[in-house]
């Protein structure tokens, strides 16, 4: 007797700062790849990122927004992955279209010296 194929379950992917389903006191830290308490983010050291050849200190908000944009851009209907645009995210300040990319502080100005306008 043939058994029907089970409906494939969708895998939940967490974004940086998303609360854990069923445990709102714990959040996902993408940098550490761990579920942590909210206070963890105050001491979690992020990396520098290079944008257009300049080095910037990454922030938790920036990491969340860039990951969120990446996931929303690559998601397709019927995808087995499941991303939840979770309003409980620690770093969320609006909908995907409302939340601007946070500015970053440059950490290494490099060798760039602007030409004087003589």
C-alpha atoms as a PDB file:
ATOM      1  CA  UNK A   1       0.000   0.000   0.000  1.00  0.00           C
ATOM      2  CA  UNK A   2       1.432   3.325  -1.082  1.00  0.00           C
ATOM      3  CA  UNK A   3       1.691   6.014   1.507  1.00  0.00           C
ATOM      4  CA  UNK A   4       1.241   9.613   0.378  1.00  0.00           C
ATOM      5  CA  UNK A   5       4.338  11.764   0.412  1.00  0.00           C
ATOM      6  CA  UNK A   6       4.411  13.859   3.574  1.00  0.00           C
ATOM      7  CA  UNK A   7       4.120  17.584   3.155  1.00  0.00           C
ATOM      8  CA  UNK A   8       7.646  18.975   3.504  1.00  0.00           C
ATOM      9  CA  UNK A   9       8.069  21.108   6.595  1.00  0.00           C
ATOM     10  CA  UNK A  10       9.480  24.571   6.201  1.00  0.00           C
ATOM     11  CA  UNK A  11      12.675  25.328   8.058  1.00  0.00           C
ATOM     12  CA  UNK A  12      12.665  28.458  10.232  1.00  0.00           C
ATOM     13  CA  UNK A  13      15.679  30.702   9.720  1.00  0.00           C
ATOM     14  CA  UNK A  14      16.386  33.305  12.374  1.00  0.00           C
ATOM     15  CA  UNK A  15      17.727  36.785  11.701  1.00  0.00           C
ATOM     16  CA  UNK A  16      20.120  38.546  14.058  1.00  0.00           C
ATOM     17  CA  UNK A  17      18.070  39.586  17.123  1.00  0.00           C
ATOM     18  CA  UNK A  18      14.969  37.459  16.393  1.00  0.00           C
ATOM     19  CA  UNK A  19      13.199  36.082  19.485  1.00  0.00           C
ATOM     20  CA  UNK A  20      13.123  32.300  19.779  1.00  0.00           C
ATOM     21  CA  UNK A  21       9.721  30.786  19.006  1.00  0.00           C
ATOM     22  CA  UNK A  22       8.223  29.638  22.299  1.00  0.00           C
ATOM     23  CA  UNK A  23      10.849  31.405  24.414  1.00  0.00           C
ATOM     24  CA  UNK A  24      10.593  35.215  24.099  1.00  0.00           C
ATOM     25  CA  UNK A  25      13.400  35.743  26.631  1.00  0.00           C
ATOM     26  CA  UNK A  26      16.012  34.324  24.216  1.00  0.00           C
ATOM     27  CA  UNK A  27      17.215  35.794  20.933  1.00  0.00           C
ATOM     28  CA  UNK A  28      19.339  34.628  18.025  1.00  0.00           C
ATOM     29  CA  UNK A  29      22.840  36.093  17.677  1.00  0.00           C
ATOM     30  CA  UNK A  30      24.004  35.610  14.083  1.00  0.00           C
ATOM     31  CA  UNK A  31      27.612  36.444  14.890  1.00  0.00           C
ATOM     32  CA  UNK A  32      27.879  33.791  17.601  1.00  0.00           C
ATOM     33  CA  UNK A  33      25.317  31.450  15.998  1.00  0.00           C
ATOM     34  CA  UNK A  34      23.710  30.996  19.429  1.00  0.00           C
ATOM     35  CA  UNK A  35      20.406  31.654  21.172  1.00  0.00           C
ATOM     36  CA  UNK A  36      21.202  34.155  23.899  1.00  0.00           C
ATOM     37  CA  UNK A  37      19.624  36.484  26.444  1.00  0.00           C
ATOM     38  CA  UNK A  38      19.015  40.118  25.427  1.00  0.00           C
ATOM     39  CA  UNK A  39      21.979  41.371  27.503  1.00  0.00           C
ATOM     40  CA  UNK A  40      24.383  39.376  25.317  1.00  0.00           C
ATOM     41  CA  UNK A  41      24.211  41.998  22.549  1.00  0.00           C
ATOM     42  CA  UNK A  42      25.721  44.674  24.801  1.00  0.00           C
ATOM     43  CA  UNK A  43      28.971  42.703  25.057  1.00  0.00           C
ATOM     44  CA  UNK A  44      29.015  40.867  21.703  1.00  0.00           C
ATOM     45  CA  UNK A  45      31.861  42.344  19.644  1.00  0.00           C
ATOM     46  CA  UNK A  46      31.032  42.615  15.965  1.00  0.00           C
ATOM     47  CA  UNK A  47      33.487  42.740  13.100  1.00  0.00           C
ATOM     48  CA  UNK A  48      34.567  45.487  10.773  1.00  0.00           C
ATOM     49  CA  UNK A  49      32.993  45.531   7.325  1.00  0.00           C
ATOM     50  CA  UNK A  50      34.513  46.914   4.154  1.00  0.00           C
ATOM     51  CA  UNK A  51      32.237  48.970   1.927  1.00  0.00           C
ATOM     52  CA  UNK A  52      33.627  50.562  -1.240  1.00  0.00           C
ATOM     53  CA  UNK A  53      37.154  50.086   0.047  1.00  0.00           C
ATOM     54  CA  UNK A  54      36.552  51.759   3.415  1.00  0.00           C
ATOM     55  CA  UNK A  55      36.454  49.968   6.754  1.00  0.00           C
ATOM     56  CA  UNK A  56      33.520  50.492   9.151  1.00  0.00           C
ATOM     57  CA  UNK A  57      32.604  49.128  12.586  1.00  0.00           C
ATOM     58  CA  UNK A  58      29.537  46.931  12.172  1.00  0.00           C
ATOM     59  CA  UNK A  59      26.545  47.474  14.477  1.00  0.00           C
ATOM     60  CA  UNK A  60      23.878  44.983  15.509  1.00  0.00           C
ATOM     61  CA  UNK A  61      21.223  47.081  13.775  1.00  0.00           C
ATOM     62  CA  UNK A  62      23.214  47.131  10.532  1.00  0.00           C
ATOM     63  CA  UNK A  63      23.743  43.347  10.660  1.00  0.00           C
ATOM     64  CA  UNK A  64      20.009  42.765  11.184  1.00  0.00           C
ATOM     65  CA  UNK A  65      18.885  45.115   8.384  1.00  0.00           C
ATOM     66  CA  UNK A  66      21.339  43.729   5.814  1.00  0.00           C
ATOM     67  CA  UNK A  67      20.411  40.118   6.640  1.00  0.00           C
ATOM     68  CA  UNK A  68      16.714  41.000   6.497  1.00  0.00           C
ATOM     69  CA  UNK A  69      17.092  42.656   3.101  1.00  0.00           C
ATOM     70  CA  UNK A  70      19.103  39.705   1.772  1.00  0.00           C
ATOM     71  CA  UNK A  71      16.470  37.181   2.888  1.00  0.00           C
ATOM     72  CA  UNK A  72      13.541  39.199   1.576  1.00  0.00           C
ATOM     73  CA  UNK A  73      15.269  39.605  -1.786  1.00  0.00           C
ATOM     74  CA  UNK A  74      16.060  35.884  -2.209  1.00  0.00           C
ATOM     75  CA  UNK A  75      12.772  34.419  -0.927  1.00  0.00           C
ATOM     76  CA  UNK A  76      10.520  32.846  -3.559  1.00  0.00           C
ATOM     77  CA  UNK A  77       6.970  31.466  -3.237  1.00  0.00           C
ATOM     78  CA  UNK A  78       7.012  27.765  -2.381  1.00  0.00           C
ATOM     79  CA  UNK A  79      10.482  28.080  -0.874  1.00  0.00           C
ATOM     80  CA  UNK A  80      11.212  25.467   1.797  1.00  0.00           C
ATOM     81  CA  UNK A  81      12.875  28.146   3.910  1.00  0.00           C
ATOM     82  CA  UNK A  82      10.723  30.203   6.228  1.00  0.00           C
ATOM     83  CA  UNK A  83      11.736  33.648   7.299  1.00  0.00           C
ATOM     84  CA  UNK A  84       9.555  35.430   9.814  1.00  0.00           C
ATOM     85  CA  UNK A  85       9.548  39.212   9.641  1.00  0.00           C
ATOM     86  CA  UNK A  86       9.310  39.207  13.416  1.00  0.00           C
ATOM     87  CA  UNK A  87       8.064  42.409  15.088  1.00  0.00           C
ATOM     88  CA  UNK A  88       9.713  41.223  18.314  1.00  0.00           C
ATOM     89  CA  UNK A  89      13.207  41.525  16.866  1.00  0.00           C
ATOM     90  CA  UNK A  90      15.528  43.427  19.192  1.00  0.00           C
ATOM     91  CA  UNK A  91      16.822  45.647  16.359  1.00  0.00           C
ATOM     92  CA  UNK A  92      13.657  46.157  14.300  1.00  0.00           C
ATOM     93  CA  UNK A  93      12.321  49.706  14.048  1.00  0.00           C
ATOM     94  CA  UNK A  94       9.810  49.360  11.202  1.00  0.00           C
ATOM     95  CA  UNK A  95       8.693  47.331   8.221  1.00  0.00           C
ATOM     96  CA  UNK A  96      11.273  46.202   5.666  1.00  0.00           C
ATOM     97  CA  UNK A  97      10.520  49.217   3.471  1.00  0.00           C
ATOM     98  CA  UNK A  98      10.482  51.680   6.412  1.00  0.00           C
ATOM     99  CA  UNK A  99      13.663  50.658   8.211  1.00  0.00           C
ATOM    100  CA  UNK A 100      16.635  52.486   6.745  1.00  0.00           C
ATOM    101  CA  UNK A 101      20.102  51.013   6.701  1.00  0.00           C
ATOM    102  CA  UNK A 102      21.841  52.396   9.803  1.00  0.00           C
ATOM    103  CA  UNK A 103      24.919  54.514   9.223  1.00  0.00           C
ATOM    104  CA  UNK A 104      28.254  53.088  10.273  1.00  0.00           C
ATOM    105  CA  UNK A 105      31.237  54.779  11.867  1.00  0.00           C
ATOM    106  CA  UNK A 106      34.379  54.620   9.764  1.00  0.00           C
ATOM    107  CA  UNK A 107      37.198  52.944  11.695  1.00  0.00           C
ATOM    108  CA  UNK A 108      40.102  53.329   9.306  1.00  0.00           C
ATOM    109  CA  UNK A 109      40.195  56.342   7.000  1.00  0.00           C
ATOM    110  CA  UNK A 110      42.913  54.657   4.937  1.00  0.00           C
ATOM    111  CA  UNK A 111      45.240  56.540   2.640  1.00  0.00           C
ATOM    112  CA  UNK A 112      42.562  58.581   0.895  1.00  0.00           C
ATOM    113  CA  UNK A 113      43.481  62.271   0.849  1.00  0.00           C
ATOM    114  CA  UNK A 114      41.044  64.538  -0.987  1.00  0.00           C
ATOM    115  CA  UNK A 115      42.536  66.806  -3.606  1.00  0.00           C
ATOM    116  CA  UNK A 116      42.511  70.469  -2.718  1.00  0.00           C
ATOM    117  CA  UNK A 117      40.412  72.771  -4.865  1.00  0.00           C
ATOM    118  CA  UNK A 118      43.118  75.250  -5.845  1.00  0.00           C
END
